[in-house]
Amino acid sequence: KMTVSKFIMLVCVLMCIQFPISIFDIFVEAVLNQLGLSAKAAIESSQ
């Protein structure tokens, strides 16, 4: 059975991934830029 506390904990675990992924987005874009490429449009469309 799901409870309010369990659901909140799952939300926290789910959303904690956002921060490292946001840092990763910046890193990937910087690496691609060095190669003359960009994923900026794809990153922005997802956000």
All heavy atoms as atom14 arrays in JSON, in Angstrom:
{
  "sequence": "KMTVSKFIMLVCVLMCIQFPISIFDIFVEAVLNQLGLSAKAAIESSQ",
  "atom14_mask": [
    [1, 1, 1, 1, 1, 1, 1, 1, 1, 0, 0, 0, 0, 0],
    [1, 1, 1, 1, 1, 1, 1, 1, 0, 0, 0, 0, 0, 0],
    [1, 1, 1, 1, 1, 1, 1, 0, 0, 0, 0, 0, 0, 0],
    [1, 1, 1, 1, 1, 1, 1, 0, 0, 0, 0, 0, 0, 0],
    [1, 1, 1, 1, 1, 1, 0, 0, 0, 0, 0, 0, 0, 0],
    [1, 1, 1, 1, 1, 1, 1, 1, 1, 0, 0, 0, 0, 0],
    [1, 1, 1, 1, 1, 1, 1, 1, 1, 1, 1, 0, 0, 0],
    [1, 1, 1, 1, 1, 1, 1, 1, 0, 0, 0, 0, 0, 0],
    [1, 1, 1, 1, 1, 1, 1, 1, 0, 0, 0, 0, 0, 0],
    [1, 1, 1, 1, 1, 1, 1, 1, 0, 0, 0, 0, 0, 0],
    [1, 1, 1, 1, 1, 1, 1, 0, 0, 0, 0, 0, 0, 0],
    [1, 1, 1, 1, 1, 1, 0, 0, 0, 0, 0, 0, 0, 0],
    [1, 1, 1, 1, 1, 1, 1, 0, 0, 0, 0, 0, 0, 0],
    [1, 1, 1, 1, 1, 1, 1, 1, 0, 0, 0, 0, 0, 0],
    [1, 1, 1, 1, 1, 1, 1, 1, 0, 0, 0, 0, 0, 0],
    [1, 1, 1, 1, 1, 1, 0, 0, 0, 0, 0, 0, 0, 0],
    [1, 1, 1, 1, 1, 1, 1, 1, 0, 0, 0, 0, 0, 0],
    [1, 1, 1, 1, 1, 1, 1, 1, 1, 0, 0, 0, 0, 0],
    [1, 1, 1, 1, 1, 1, 1, 1, 1, 1, 1, 0, 0, 0],
    [1, 1, 1, 1, 1, 1, 1, 0, 0, 0, 0, 0, 0, 0],
    [1, 1, 1, 1, 1, 1, 1, 1, 0, 0, 0, 0, 0, 0],
    [1, 1, 1, 1, 1, 1, 0, 0, 0, 0, 0, 0, 0, 0],
    [1, 1, 1, 1, 1, 1, 1, 1, 0, 0, 0, 0, 0, 0],
    [1, 1, 1, 1, 1, 1, 1, 1, 1, 1, 1, 0, 0, 0],
    [1, 1, 1, 1, 1, 1, 1, 1, 0, 0, 0, 0, 0, 0],
    [1, 1, 1, 1, 1, 1, 1, 1, 0, 0, 0, 0, 0, 0],
    [1, 1, 1, 1, 1, 1, 1, 1, 1, 1, 1, 0, 0, 0],
    [1, 1, 1, 1, 1, 1, 1, 0, 0, 0, 0, 0, 0, 0],
    [1, 1, 1, 1, 1, 1, 1, 1, 1, 0, 0, 0, 0, 0],
    [1, 1, 1, 1, 1, 0, 0, 0, 0, 0, 0, 0, 0, 0],
    [1, 1, 1, 1, 1, 1, 1, 0, 0, 0, 0, 0, 0, 0],
    [1, 1, 1, 1, 1, 1, 1, 1, 0, 0, 0, 0, 0, 0],
    [1, 1, 1, 1, 1, 1, 1, 1, 0, 0, 0, 0, 0, 0],
    [1, 1, 1, 1, 1, 1, 1, 1, 1, 0, 0, 0, 0, 0],
    [1, 1, 1, 1, 1, 1, 1, 1, 0, 0, 0, 0, 0, 0],
    [1, 1, 1, 1, 0, 0, 0, 0, 0, 0, 0, 0, 0, 0],
    [1, 1, 1, 1, 1, 1, 1, 1, 0, 0, 0, 0, 0, 0],
    [1, 1, 1, 1, 1, 1, 0, 0, 0, 0, 0, 0, 0, 0],
    [1, 1, 1, 1, 1, 0, 0, 0, 0, 0, 0, 0, 0, 0],
    [1, 1, 1, 1, 1, 1, 1, 1, 1, 0, 0, 0, 0, 0],
    [1, 1, 1, 1, 1, 0, 0, 0, 0, 0, 0, 0, 0, 0],
    [1, 1, 1, 1, 1, 0, 0, 0, 0, 0, 0, 0, 0, 0],
    [1, 1, 1, 1, 1, 1, 1, 1, 0, 0, 0, 0, 0, 0],
    [1, 1, 1, 1, 1, 1, 1, 1, 1, 0, 0, 0, 0, 0],
    [1, 1, 1, 1, 1, 1, 0, 0, 0, 0, 0, 0, 0, 0],
    [1, 1, 1, 1, 1, 1, 0, 0, 0, 0, 0, 0, 0, 0],
    [1, 1, 1, 1, 1, 1, 1, 1, 1, 0, 0, 0, 0, 0]
  ],
  "atom14_positions": [
    [[0.82, -1.2, 0.0], [0.0, 0.0, 0.0], [0.86, 1.25, 0.0], [1.81, 1.37, 0.77], [-0.92, 0.0, 1.23], [-1.87, -1.19, 1.31], [-2.84, -1.21, 0.14], [-3.81, -2.39, 0.25], [-4.73, -2.45, -0.91], [0.0, 0.0, 0.0], [0.0, 0.0, 0.0], [0.0, 0.0, 0.0], [0.0, 0.0, 0.0], [0.0, 0.0, 0.0]],
    [[0.51, 2.18, -0.86], [1.21, 3.45, -0.92], [0.71, 4.35, 0.2], [-0.48, 4.36, 0.52], [1.0, 4.13, -2.27], [1.72, 5.46, -2.42], [3.51, 5.32, -2.42], [3.8, 4.71, -4.1], [0.0, 0.0, 0.0], [0.0, 0.0, 0.0], [0.0, 0.0, 0.0], [0.0, 0.0, 0.0], [0.0, 0.0, 0.0], [0.0, 0.0, 0.0]],
    [[1.63, 5.1, 0.81], [1.28, 6.08, 1.83], [1.8, 7.44, 1.39], [2.61, 7.53, 0.46], [1.89, 5.72, 3.19], [3.33, 5.75, 3.08], [1.43, 4.34, 3.66], [0.0, 0.0, 0.0], [0.0, 0.0, 0.0], [0.0, 0.0, 0.0], [0.0, 0.0, 0.0], [0.0, 0.0, 0.0], [0.0, 0.0, 0.0], [0.0, 0.0, 0.0]],
    [[1.34, 8.48, 2.05], [1.78, 9.84, 1.71], [3.28, 9.97, 1.88], [3.98, 10.54, 1.02], [1.05, 10.89, 2.59], [1.62, 12.29, 2.33], [-0.45, 10.87, 2.31], [0.0, 0.0, 0.0], [0.0, 0.0, 0.0], [0.0, 0.0, 0.0], [0.0, 0.0, 0.0], [0.0, 0.0, 0.0], [0.0, 0.0, 0.0], [0.0, 0.0, 0.0]],
    [[3.81, 9.45, 2.97], [5.25, 9.55, 3.23], [6.06, 8.8, 2.17], [7.1, 9.3, 1.71], [5.58, 9.02, 4.63], [5.21, 7.65, 4.75], [0.0, 0.0, 0.0], [0.0, 0.0, 0.0], [0.0, 0.0, 0.0], [0.0, 0.0, 0.0], [0.0, 0.0, 0.0], [0.0, 0.0, 0.0], [0.0, 0.0, 0.0], [0.0, 0.0, 0.0]],
    [[5.61, 7.61, 1.77], [6.31, 6.85, 0.74], [6.3, 7.59, -0.6], [7.3, 7.63, -1.31], [5.67, 5.47, 0.57], [5.94, 4.5, 1.7], [5.24, 3.17, 1.44], [5.48, 2.18, 2.57], [4.76, 0.9, 2.34], [0.0, 0.0, 0.0], [0.0, 0.0, 0.0], [0.0, 0.0, 0.0], [0.0, 0.0, 0.0], [0.0, 0.0, 0.0]],
    [[5.15, 8.18, -0.93], [5.03, 8.9, -2.19], [5.96, 10.11, -2.21], [6.64, 10.37, -3.21], [3.59, 9.35, -2.42], [3.34, 9.94, -3.78], [3.18, 9.1, -4.88], [3.29, 11.31, -3.97], [2.96, 9.64, -6.15], [3.07, 11.85, -5.22], [2.9, 11.02, -6.32], [0.0, 0.0, 0.0], [0.0, 0.0, 0.0], [0.0, 0.0, 0.0]],
    [[6.02, 10.85, -1.1], [6.91, 12.02, -1.01], [8.37, 11.59, -1.14], [9.16, 12.26, -1.83], [6.67, 12.77, 0.31], [5.29, 13.43, 0.3], [7.75, 13.83, 0.53], [4.89, 14.07, 1.62], [0.0, 0.0, 0.0], [0.0, 0.0, 0.0], [0.0, 0.0, 0.0], [0.0, 0.0, 0.0], [0.0, 0.0, 0.0], [0.0, 0.0, 0.0]],
    [[8.72, 10.48, -0.51], [10.09, 9.99, -0.61], [10.44, 9.61, -2.05], [11.54, 9.89, -2.54], [10.3, 8.8, 0.33], [10.44, 9.2, 1.79], [10.97, 7.85, 2.88], [9.45, 6.89, 2.95], [0.0, 0.0, 0.0], [0.0, 0.0, 0.0], [0.0, 0.0, 0.0], [0.0, 0.0, 0.0], [0.0, 0.0, 0.0], [0.0, 0.0, 0.0]],
    [[9.48, 8.98, -2.75], [9.72, 8.62, -4.15], [9.87, 9.87, -5.02], [10.7, 9.9, -5.93], [8.57, 7.75, -4.66], [8.58, 6.29, -4.22], [7.32, 5.58, -4.68], [9.81, 5.55, -4.76], [0.0, 0.0, 0.0], [0.0, 0.0, 0.0], [0.0, 0.0, 0.0], [0.0, 0.0, 0.0], [0.0, 0.0, 0.0], [0.0, 0.0, 0.0]],
    [[9.08, 10.89, -4.73], [9.21, 12.16, -5.46], [10.6, 12.75, -5.25], [11.24, 13.23, -6.2], [8.12, 13.17, -5.02], [8.42, 14.56, -5.56], [6.75, 12.72, -5.49], [0.0, 0.0, 0.0], [0.0, 0.0, 0.0], [0.0, 0.0, 0.0], [0.0, 0.0, 0.0], [0.0, 0.0, 0.0], [0.0, 0.0, 0.0], [0.0, 0.0, 0.0]],
    [[11.08, 12.72, -4.01], [12.41, 13.26, -3.7], [13.5, 12.5, -4.43], [14.43, 13.1, -5.0], [12.66, 13.22, -2.19], [11.66, 14.36, -1.24], [0.0, 0.0, 0.0], [0.0, 0.0, 0.0], [0.0, 0.0, 0.0], [0.0, 0.0, 0.0], [0.0, 0.0, 0.0], [0.0, 0.0, 0.0], [0.0, 0.0, 0.0], [0.0, 0.0, 0.0]],
    [[13.41, 11.17, -4.45], [14.4, 10.35, -5.16], [14.32, 10.63, -6.66], [15.36, 10.74, -7.33], [14.18, 8.85, -4.87], [15.09, 8.0, -5.74], [14.43, 8.56, -3.39], [0.0, 0.0, 0.0], [0.0, 0.0, 0.0], [0.0, 0.0, 0.0], [0.0, 0.0, 0.0], [0.0, 0.0, 0.0], [0.0, 0.0, 0.0], [0.0, 0.0, 0.0]],
    [[13.11, 10.73, -7.18], [12.92, 11.02, -8.61], [13.53, 12.35, -8.99], [14.29, 12.45, -9.96], [11.41, 11.02, -8.93], [11.0, 11.53, -10.32], [11.51, 10.6, -11.4], [9.48, 11.66, -10.39], [0.0, 0.0, 0.0], [0.0, 0.0, 0.0], [0.0, 0.0, 0.0], [0.0, 0.0, 0.0], [0.0, 0.0, 0.0], [0.0, 0.0, 0.0]],
    [[13.25, 13.39, -8.2], [13.69, 14.73, -8.56], [15.15, 15.0, -8.23], [15.75, 15.94, -8.75], [12.81, 15.77, -7.87], [11.34, 15.71, -8.28], [11.07, 15.65, -10.08], [11.83, 17.19, -10.58], [0.0, 0.0, 0.0], [0.0, 0.0, 0.0], [0.0, 0.0, 0.0], [0.0, 0.0, 0.0], [0.0, 0.0, 0.0], [0.0, 0.0, 0.0]],
    [[15.75, 14.18, -7.37], [17.16, 14.41, -7.03], [18.07, 14.15, -8.24], [19.21, 14.59, -8.28], [17.58, 13.57, -5.83], [18.1, 11.89, -6.2], [0.0, 0.0, 0.0], [0.0, 0.0, 0.0], [0.0, 0.0, 0.0], [0.0, 0.0, 0.0], [0.0, 0.0, 0.0], [0.0, 0.0, 0.0], [0.0, 0.0, 0.0], [0.0, 0.0, 0.0]],
    [[17.53, 13.42, -9.22], [18.3, 13.13, -10.43], [18.46, 14.39, -11.28], [19.42, 14.51, -12.05], [17.6, 12.03, -11.25], [17.31, 10.81, -10.38], [18.44, 11.61, -12.45], [16.3, 9.84, -10.98], [0.0, 0.0, 0.0], [0.0, 0.0, 0.0], [0.0, 0.0, 0.0], [0.0, 0.0, 0.0], [0.0, 0.0, 0.0], [0.0, 0.0, 0.0]],
    [[17.53, 15.34, -11.14], [17.52, 16.54, -12.0], [18.8, 17.36, -11.88], [19.32, 17.85, -12.87], [16.31, 17.42, -11.63], [14.98, 16.89, -12.1], [14.65, 17.34, -13.52], [15.53, 17.71, -14.29], [13.39, 17.29, -13.87], [0.0, 0.0, 0.0], [0.0, 0.0, 0.0], [0.0, 0.0, 0.0], [0.0, 0.0, 0.0], [0.0, 0.0, 0.0]],
    [[19.3, 17.5, -10.65], [20.49, 18.36, -10.45], [21.72, 17.82, -11.17], [22.34, 18.55, -11.96], [20.75, 18.54, -8.95], [21.99, 19.33, -8.65], [22.08, 20.68, -9.0], [23.08, 18.74, -8.01], [23.23, 21.41, -8.73], [24.23, 19.46, -7.75], [24.31, 20.8, -8.1], [0.0, 0.0, 0.0], [0.0, 0.0, 0.0], [0.0, 0.0, 0.0]],
    [[22.13, 16.55, -10.94], [23.3, 16.06, -11.68], [23.09, 16.04, -13.19], [24.05, 16.26, -13.94], [23.51, 14.64, -11.12], [22.26, 14.3, -10.41], [21.66, 15.57, -9.95], [0.0, 0.0, 0.0], [0.0, 0.0, 0.0], [0.0, 0.0, 0.0], [0.0, 0.0, 0.0], [0.0, 0.0, 0.0], [0.0, 0.0, 0.0], [0.0, 0.0, 0.0]],
    [[21.86, 15.79, -13.64], [21.6, 15.8, -15.08], [21.75, 17.21, -15.64], [22.25, 17.4, -16.76], [20.19, 15.23, -15.39], [20.15, 13.73, -15.11], [19.79, 15.52, -16.83], [21.05, 12.89, -15.99], [0.0, 0.0, 0.0], [0.0, 0.0, 0.0], [0.0, 0.0, 0.0], [0.0, 0.0, 0.0], [0.0, 0.0, 0.0], [0.0, 0.0, 0.0]],
    [[21.33, 18.22, -14.89], [21.49, 19.61, -15.33], [22.96, 19.97, -15.47], [23.36, 20.65, -16.43], [20.81, 20.56, -14.33], [19.42, 20.34, -14.29], [0.0, 0.0, 0.0], [0.0, 0.0, 0.0], [0.0, 0.0, 0.0], [0.0, 0.0, 0.0], [0.0, 0.0, 0.0], [0.0, 0.0, 0.0], [0.0, 0.0, 0.0], [0.0, 0.0, 0.0]],
    [[23.79, 19.49, -14.54], [25.24, 19.69, -14.63], [25.8, 18.94, -15.84], [26.64, 19.44, -16.59], [25.95, 19.22, -13.34], [25.43, 19.99, -12.13], [27.46, 19.35, -13.47], [25.69, 21.47, -12.16], [0.0, 0.0, 0.0], [0.0, 0.0, 0.0], [0.0, 0.0, 0.0], [0.0, 0.0, 0.0], [0.0, 0.0, 0.0], [0.0, 0.0, 0.0]],
    [[25.27, 17.74, -16.04], [25.7, 16.92, -17.17], [25.36, 17.59, -18.5], [26.14, 17.54, -19.46], [25.05, 15.54, -17.09], [25.43, 14.6, -18.2], [26.7, 14.06, -18.26], [24.5, 14.28, -19.19], [27.04, 13.18, -19.29], [24.85, 13.41, -20.22], [26.11, 12.86, -20.27], [0.0, 0.0, 0.0], [0.0, 0.0, 0.0], [0.0, 0.0, 0.0]],
    [[24.18, 18.22, -18.57], [23.78, 18.95, -19.78], [24.8, 20.02, -20.13], [25.19, 20.17, -21.3], [22.41, 19.62, -19.57], [21.26, 18.61, -19.59], [21.49, 17.47, -20.0], [20.14, 18.98, -19.19], [0.0, 0.0, 0.0], [0.0, 0.0, 0.0], [0.0, 0.0, 0.0], [0.0, 0.0, 0.0], [0.0, 0.0, 0.0], [0.0, 0.0, 0.0]],
    [[25.23, 20.76, -19.12], [26.22, 21.83, -19.33], [27.53, 21.24, -19.83], [28.17, 21.77, -20.75], [26.44, 22.62, -18.02], [25.14, 23.33, -17.62], [27.58, 23.63, -18.18], [25.17, 23.96, -16.24], [0.0, 0.0, 0.0], [0.0, 0.0, 0.0], [0.0, 0.0, 0.0], [0.0, 0.0, 0.0], [0.0, 0.0, 0.0], [0.0, 0.0, 0.0]],
    [[27.94, 20.11, -19.24], [29.19, 19.45, -19.62], [29.12, 18.95, -21.07], [30.06, 19.16, -21.85], [29.47, 18.28, -18.67], [30.61, 17.41, -19.09], [31.92, 17.84, -18.91], [30.38, 16.16, -19.67], [32.99, 17.03, -19.31], [31.43, 15.35, -20.07], [32.74, 15.79, -19.88], [0.0, 0.0, 0.0], [0.0, 0.0, 0.0], [0.0, 0.0, 0.0]],
    [[28.02, 18.28, -21.42], [27.86, 17.75, -22.78], [27.88, 18.87, -23.81], [28.54, 18.76, -24.86], [26.54, 16.95, -22.9], [26.23, 16.62, -24.36], [26.64, 15.66, -22.1], [0.0, 0.0, 0.0], [0.0, 0.0, 0.0], [0.0, 0.0, 0.0], [0.0, 0.0, 0.0], [0.0, 0.0, 0.0], [0.0, 0.0, 0.0], [0.0, 0.0, 0.0]],
    [[27.18, 19.96, -23.53], [27.15, 21.09, -24.46], [28.54, 21.68, -24.62], [28.94, 22.04, -25.74], [26.17, 22.15, -23.95], [26.01, 23.36, -24.86], [25.46, 23.05, -26.24], [24.94, 21.92, -26.46], [25.56, 23.91, -27.13], [0.0, 0.0, 0.0], [0.0, 0.0, 0.0], [0.0, 0.0, 0.0], [0.0, 0.0, 0.0], [0.0, 0.0, 0.0]],
    [[29.31, 21.78, -23.54], [30.67, 22.33, -23.61], [31.57, 21.44, -24.47], [32.36, 21.93, -25.29], [31.25, 22.47, -22.2], [0.0, 0.0, 0.0], [0.0, 0.0, 0.0], [0.0, 0.0, 0.0], [0.0, 0.0, 0.0], [0.0, 0.0, 0.0], [0.0, 0.0, 0.0], [0.0, 0.0, 0.0], [0.0, 0.0, 0.0], [0.0, 0.0, 0.0]],
    [[31.45, 20.12, -24.3], [32.26, 19.18, -25.09], [31.87, 19.26, -26.56], [32.75, 19.3, -27.44], [32.07, 17.74, -24.57], [32.73, 16.73, -25.51], [32.66, 17.6, -23.16], [0.0, 0.0, 0.0], [0.0, 0.0, 0.0], [0.0, 0.0, 0.0], [0.0, 0.0, 0.0], [0.0, 0.0, 0.0], [0.0, 0.0, 0.0], [0.0, 0.0, 0.0]],
    [[30.58, 19.28, -26.84], [30.12, 19.38, -28.24], [30.57, 20.69, -28.88], [30.93, 20.71, -30.07], [28.59, 19.26, -28.29], [27.99, 17.88, -28.02], [26.48, 17.95, -27.97], [28.43, 16.87, -29.08], [0.0, 0.0, 0.0], [0.0, 0.0, 0.0], [0.0, 0.0, 0.0], [0.0, 0.0, 0.0], [0.0, 0.0, 0.0], [0.0, 0.0, 0.0]],
    [[30.54, 21.76, -28.11], [30.98, 23.06, -28.63], [32.43, 23.02, -29.08], [32.81, 23.66, -30.07], [30.81, 24.15, -27.58], [29.35, 24.52, -27.34], [29.01, 25.27, -26.42], [28.43, 23.97, -28.15], [0.0, 0.0, 0.0], [0.0, 0.0, 0.0], [0.0, 0.0, 0.0], [0.0, 0.0, 0.0], [0.0, 0.0, 0.0], [0.0, 0.0, 0.0]],
    [[33.26, 22.27, -28.36], [34.67, 22.13, -28.73], [34.83, 21.39, -30.05], [35.83, 21.54, -30.75], [35.44, 21.38, -27.63], [35.52, 22.12, -26.31], [36.22, 23.47, -26.43], [37.28, 23.57, -27.06], [35.62, 24.5, -25.86], [0.0, 0.0, 0.0], [0.0, 0.0, 0.0], [0.0, 0.0, 0.0], [0.0, 0.0, 0.0], [0.0, 0.0, 0.0]],
    [[33.81, 20.62, -30.41], [33.82, 19.87, -31.67], [33.05, 20.61, -32.77], [32.85, 20.07, -33.86], [33.2, 18.49, -31.46], [33.88, 17.59, -30.41], [33.06, 16.32, -30.19], [35.3, 17.23, -30.86], [0.0, 0.0, 0.0], [0.0, 0.0, 0.0], [0.0, 0.0, 0.0], [0.0, 0.0, 0.0], [0.0, 0.0, 0.0], [0.0, 0.0, 0.0]],
    [[32.61, 21.83, -32.45], [31.84, 22.61, -33.42], [30.4, 22.17, -33.53], [29.75, 22.43, -34.55], [0.0, 0.0, 0.0], [0.0, 0.0, 0.0], [0.0, 0.0, 0.0], [0.0, 0.0, 0.0], [0.0, 0.0, 0.0], [0.0, 0.0, 0.0], [0.0, 0.0, 0.0], [0.0, 0.0, 0.0], [0.0, 0.0, 0.0], [0.0, 0.0, 0.0]],
    [[29.9, 21.5, -32.49], [28.53, 21.0, -32.51], [27.76, 21.56, -31.32], [28.33, 22.15, -30.41], [28.53, 19.47, -32.45], [29.26, 18.75, -33.58], [29.36, 17.26, -33.28], [28.57, 18.97, -34.92], [0.0, 0.0, 0.0], [0.0, 0.0, 0.0], [0.0, 0.0, 0.0], [0.0, 0.0, 0.0], [0.0, 0.0, 0.0], [0.0, 0.0, 0.0]],
    [[26.42, 21.34, -31.32], [25.6, 21.82, -30.22], [24.34, 20.96, -30.08], [23.76, 20.52, -31.07], [25.18, 23.28, -30.45], [24.28, 23.7, -29.44], [0.0, 0.0, 0.0], [0.0, 0.0, 0.0], [0.0, 0.0, 0.0], [0.0, 0.0, 0.0], [0.0, 0.0, 0.0], [0.0, 0.0, 0.0], [0.0, 0.0, 0.0], [0.0, 0.0, 0.0]],
    [[23.98, 20.73, -28.81], [22.72, 20.04, -28.51], [21.81, 20.98, -27.74], [20.86, 20.53, -27.08], [22.99, 18.77, -27.71], [0.0, 0.0, 0.0], [0.0, 0.0, 0.0], [0.0, 0.0, 0.0], [0.0, 0.0, 0.0], [0.0, 0.0, 0.0], [0.0, 0.0, 0.0], [0.0, 0.0, 0.0], [0.0, 0.0, 0.0], [0.0, 0.0, 0.0]],
    [[22.08, 22.27, -27.83], [21.35, 23.27, -27.05], [19.85, 23.23, -27.33], [19.03, 23.29, -26.4], [21.89, 24.66, -27.35], [21.3, 25.76, -26.48], [21.93, 27.1, -26.77], [21.32, 28.2, -25.89], [21.93, 29.53, -26.19], [0.0, 0.0, 0.0], [0.0, 0.0, 0.0], [0.0, 0.0, 0.0], [0.0, 0.0, 0.0], [0.0, 0.0, 0.0]],
    [[19.49, 23.13, -28.6], [18.07, 23.12, -28.96], [17.36, 21.92, -28.34], [16.25, 22.04, -27.82], [17.91, 23.11, -30.48], [0.0, 0.0, 0.0], [0.0, 0.0, 0.0], [0.0, 0.0, 0.0], [0.0, 0.0, 0.0], [0.0, 0.0, 0.0], [0.0, 0.0, 0.0], [0.0, 0.0, 0.0], [0.0, 0.0, 0.0], [0.0, 0.0, 0.0]],
    [[18.02, 20.76, -28.36], [17.41, 19.55, -27.8], [17.28, 19.67, -26.29], [16.27, 19.28, -25.7], [18.26, 18.33, -28.16], [0.0, 0.0, 0.0], [0.0, 0.0, 0.0], [0.0, 0.0, 0.0], [0.0, 0.0, 0.0], [0.0, 0.0, 0.0], [0.0, 0.0, 0.0], [0.0, 0.0, 0.0], [0.0, 0.0, 0.0], [0.0, 0.0, 0.0]],
    [[18.32, 20.22, -25.64], [18.3, 20.39, -24.18], [17.21, 21.37, -23.77], [16.44, 21.12, -22.84], [19.68, 20.87, -23.68], [20.72, 19.78, -23.89], [19.6, 21.25, -22.2], [22.15, 20.23, -23.63], [0.0, 0.0, 0.0], [0.0, 0.0, 0.0], [0.0, 0.0, 0.0], [0.0, 0.0, 0.0], [0.0, 0.0, 0.0], [0.0, 0.0, 0.0]],
    [[17.13, 22.5, -24.49], [16.12, 23.51, -24.16], [14.71, 23.01, -24.41], [13.78, 23.35, -23.67], [16.39, 24.79, -24.96], [17.63, 25.55, -24.49], [17.88, 26.81, -25.3], [17.24, 26.97, -26.37], [18.72, 27.64, -24.87], [0.0, 0.0, 0.0], [0.0, 0.0, 0.0], [0.0, 0.0, 0.0], [0.0, 0.0, 0.0], [0.0, 0.0, 0.0]],
    [[14.52, 22.2, -25.45], [13.18, 21.7, -25.75], [12.68, 20.77, -24.63], [11.48, 20.7, -24.35], [13.17, 20.94, -27.08], [13.91, 19.74, -26.98], [0.0, 0.0, 0.0], [0.0, 0.0, 0.0], [0.0, 0.0, 0.0], [0.0, 0.0, 0.0], [0.0, 0.0, 0.0], [0.0, 0.0, 0.0], [0.0, 0.0, 0.0], [0.0, 0.0, 0.0]],
    [[13.6, 20.07, -23.97], [13.21, 19.17, -22.89], [12.93, 19.92, -21.59], [12.35, 19.37, -20.66], [14.3, 18.12, -22.65], [15.48, 18.73, -22.14], [0.0, 0.0, 0.0], [0.0, 0.0, 0.0], [0.0, 0.0, 0.0], [0.0, 0.0, 0.0], [0.0, 0.0, 0.0], [0.0, 0.0, 0.0], [0.0, 0.0, 0.0], [0.0, 0.0, 0.0]],
    [[13.36, 21.18, -21.52], [13.2, 21.98, -20.3], [12.25, 23.16, -20.49], [12.0, 23.9, -19.54], [14.57, 22.51, -19.84], [15.59, 21.41, -19.57], [16.97, 21.97, -19.31], [17.26, 23.15, -19.55], [17.87, 21.12, -18.81], [0.0, 0.0, 0.0], [0.0, 0.0, 0.0], [0.0, 0.0, 0.0], [0.0, 0.0, 0.0], [0.0, 0.0, 0.0]]
  ]
}
